[in-house]
Protein backbone atom coordinates (compact mmCIF):
# COMPACT_ATOMS: atom_id res chain seq x y z
CA MET A 1 123.68 98.08 109.54
CA ALA A 2 120.27 99.68 110.56
CA ASP A 3 117.49 99.10 107.67
CA LEU A 4 116.75 102.74 105.72
CA PHE A 5 113.57 101.97 105.10
CA ASP A 6 110.64 100.35 107.28
CA LYS A 7 108.67 97.28 106.14
CA THR A 8 106.00 99.93 105.04
CA THR A 9 107.69 101.35 102.15
CA ARG A 10 109.24 97.37 101.46
CA THR A 11 105.75 96.91 101.04
CA LEU A 12 104.99 99.89 98.92
CA GLY A 13 107.43 99.25 96.86
CA ALA A 14 107.16 95.46 96.18
CA SER A 15 103.29 96.65 95.28
CA VAL A 16 104.66 99.33 92.83
CA ASN A 17 106.78 96.81 91.41
CA LEU A 18 103.91 94.15 90.56
CA ARG A 19 101.31 96.79 89.81
CA GLN A 20 103.41 97.73 86.98
CA VAL A 21 103.82 93.16 85.53
CA ARG A 22 99.57 93.56 86.32
CA ASN A 23 99.85 97.04 83.74
CA ASN A 24 102.00 95.28 81.55
CA VAL A 25 98.80 92.55 81.29
CA ILE A 26 96.53 94.24 81.14
CA THR A 27 97.57 96.49 78.24
CA SER A 28 99.07 93.48 76.16
CA ASN A 29 95.22 92.18 76.73
CA ILE A 30 93.67 95.29 75.45
CA ALA A 31 96.27 95.66 72.48
CA ASN A 32 95.05 92.14 71.49
CA ALA A 33 91.39 92.81 71.94
CA GLU A 34 91.09 92.01 67.97
CA THR A 35 93.40 89.31 67.48
CA PRO A 36 91.64 85.65 66.62
CA GLY A 37 91.97 83.34 69.19
CA PHE A 38 94.24 85.69 71.61
CA GLN A 39 93.59 84.59 75.26
CA ALA A 40 93.16 86.89 77.66
CA LYS A 41 95.95 86.81 80.89
CA LYS A 42 95.14 87.71 84.41
CA VAL A 43 97.71 89.17 87.38
CA ASP A 44 97.25 87.82 91.11
CA PHE A 45 99.63 88.83 93.49
CA GLU A 46 97.36 90.33 96.46
CA GLU A 47 97.87 87.33 98.49
CA ALA A 48 101.70 86.25 97.68
CA LEU A 49 102.25 89.98 98.86
CA ALA A 50 100.21 89.76 101.95
CA ARG A 51 101.99 86.72 103.00
CA ALA A 52 105.49 87.84 102.26
CA VAL A 53 104.87 90.97 104.94
CA ASN A 54 103.70 88.50 107.41
CA LEU A 55 106.72 86.49 106.54
CA GLU A 56 108.99 89.35 106.89
CA ALA A 57 108.93 89.62 110.42
CA LEU A 58 110.00 86.08 111.15
CA PRO A 59 113.55 85.31 111.84
CA GLN A 60 115.04 83.04 108.79
CA PRO A 61 115.65 79.28 110.08
CA ASP A 62 118.76 77.52 110.00
CA GLY A 63 119.43 75.35 106.79
CA MET A 64 117.47 77.85 104.80
CA GLY A 65 118.50 78.43 101.26
CA PRO A 66 117.14 80.60 98.58
CA GLU A 67 115.32 78.07 96.71
CA HIS A 68 113.27 77.50 99.62
CA PHE A 69 110.28 80.11 100.20
CA PRO A 70 111.04 83.36 101.14
CA VAL A 71 111.04 83.72 105.17
CA SER A 72 112.03 86.79 106.97
CA LYS A 73 114.07 89.79 105.44
CA GLY A 74 114.30 90.38 101.91
CA ALA A 75 110.90 88.42 101.28
CA LEU A 76 108.92 90.98 100.18
CA SER A 77 111.51 92.11 97.11
CA ARG A 78 110.76 87.95 96.28
CA VAL A 79 107.02 88.19 95.84
CA ARG A 80 106.45 87.05 92.42
CA ALA A 81 102.96 87.57 90.35
CA ASP A 82 100.90 84.54 89.55
CA ILE A 83 99.99 85.00 85.68
CA TYR A 84 97.91 82.75 84.33
CA GLU A 85 94.69 82.66 81.44
CA ASN A 86 91.89 84.20 83.00
CA PRO A 87 89.22 81.55 83.51
CA ASP A 88 86.57 84.21 84.12
CA VAL A 89 85.64 85.01 80.49
CA ASN A 90 83.70 84.65 77.46
CA VAL A 91 85.02 83.26 74.37
CA ALA A 92 84.02 85.10 71.00
CA ASN A 93 83.79 83.87 67.69
CA ASP A 94 87.06 84.02 66.54
CA GLY A 95 88.14 82.53 70.01
CA ASN A 96 89.43 85.69 71.45
CA THR A 97 88.32 85.90 75.05
CA VAL A 98 89.70 89.90 76.02
CA ASP A 99 86.55 91.66 77.73
CA LEU A 100 87.49 94.98 76.71
CA GLU A 101 85.27 96.64 79.15
CA LYS A 102 86.55 94.98 82.00
CA GLU A 103 90.13 95.55 81.02
CA MET A 104 89.84 99.23 80.64
CA SER A 105 88.19 98.67 84.32
CA SER A 106 90.93 97.02 85.36
CA LEU A 107 93.46 99.08 83.82
CA ALA A 108 92.11 102.15 85.66
CA GLU A 109 91.69 100.56 89.04
CA ASN A 110 95.60 99.42 88.60
CA SER A 111 96.67 103.15 87.65
CA ILE A 112 95.06 104.21 90.43
CA MET A 113 96.09 102.17 93.05
CA TYR A 114 99.81 102.47 91.36
CA LYS A 115 99.45 106.30 92.00
CA ALA A 116 98.29 105.64 95.47
CA ALA A 117 101.25 104.07 95.92
CA ILE A 118 103.79 105.70 94.74
CA GLN A 119 102.52 108.96 96.53
CA LEU A 120 102.47 107.31 99.91
CA ILE A 121 106.33 106.44 99.13
CA ASN A 122 106.81 110.10 98.17
CA LYS A 123 105.68 110.93 101.35
CA LYS A 124 107.48 108.96 103.44
CA MET A 125 110.59 109.53 101.63
CA ALA A 126 109.55 113.80 102.20
CA ALA A 127 109.44 112.82 106.10
CA LEU A 128 112.93 111.44 105.81
CA LYS A 129 114.46 114.04 104.18
CA TYR A 130 112.73 115.95 106.49
CA ALA A 131 114.41 114.37 109.24
CA VAL A 132 118.06 114.44 107.94
CA THR A 133 117.64 118.29 106.76
CA GLU A 134 115.55 119.85 109.22
CA GLY A 135 115.36 117.74 112.30
CA GLY A 136 118.75 119.04 113.51
CA ARG A 137 117.85 122.25 114.14
């Protein structure tokens, strides 16, 4: 059976999922801005997503199991975000490492990118709907 969604749509879907993870981490950082000793977290997924996009087109080698690095179709669905303590912060007197201004800026940027990906997916779905309903007239 042919795949209904192209690589672009699958990439956008993976990006939306990972941006939701980033949103959760950023909002957690913001919520804990006044918590003594709280260590701000950071999320990176762009490099892993780019690698998965490149690997998506490769054929699956024989003998590869699910525990191996994702190669071929399905690589995008197995991309995971890397969540770690943010090393690029200043520690306050109470041990808290949240920089509220940076977190708010990151939240705004992430929200814009999330909405852009959703809009692109909606346009792809509208084109698919048009092809199914109006294309045969």
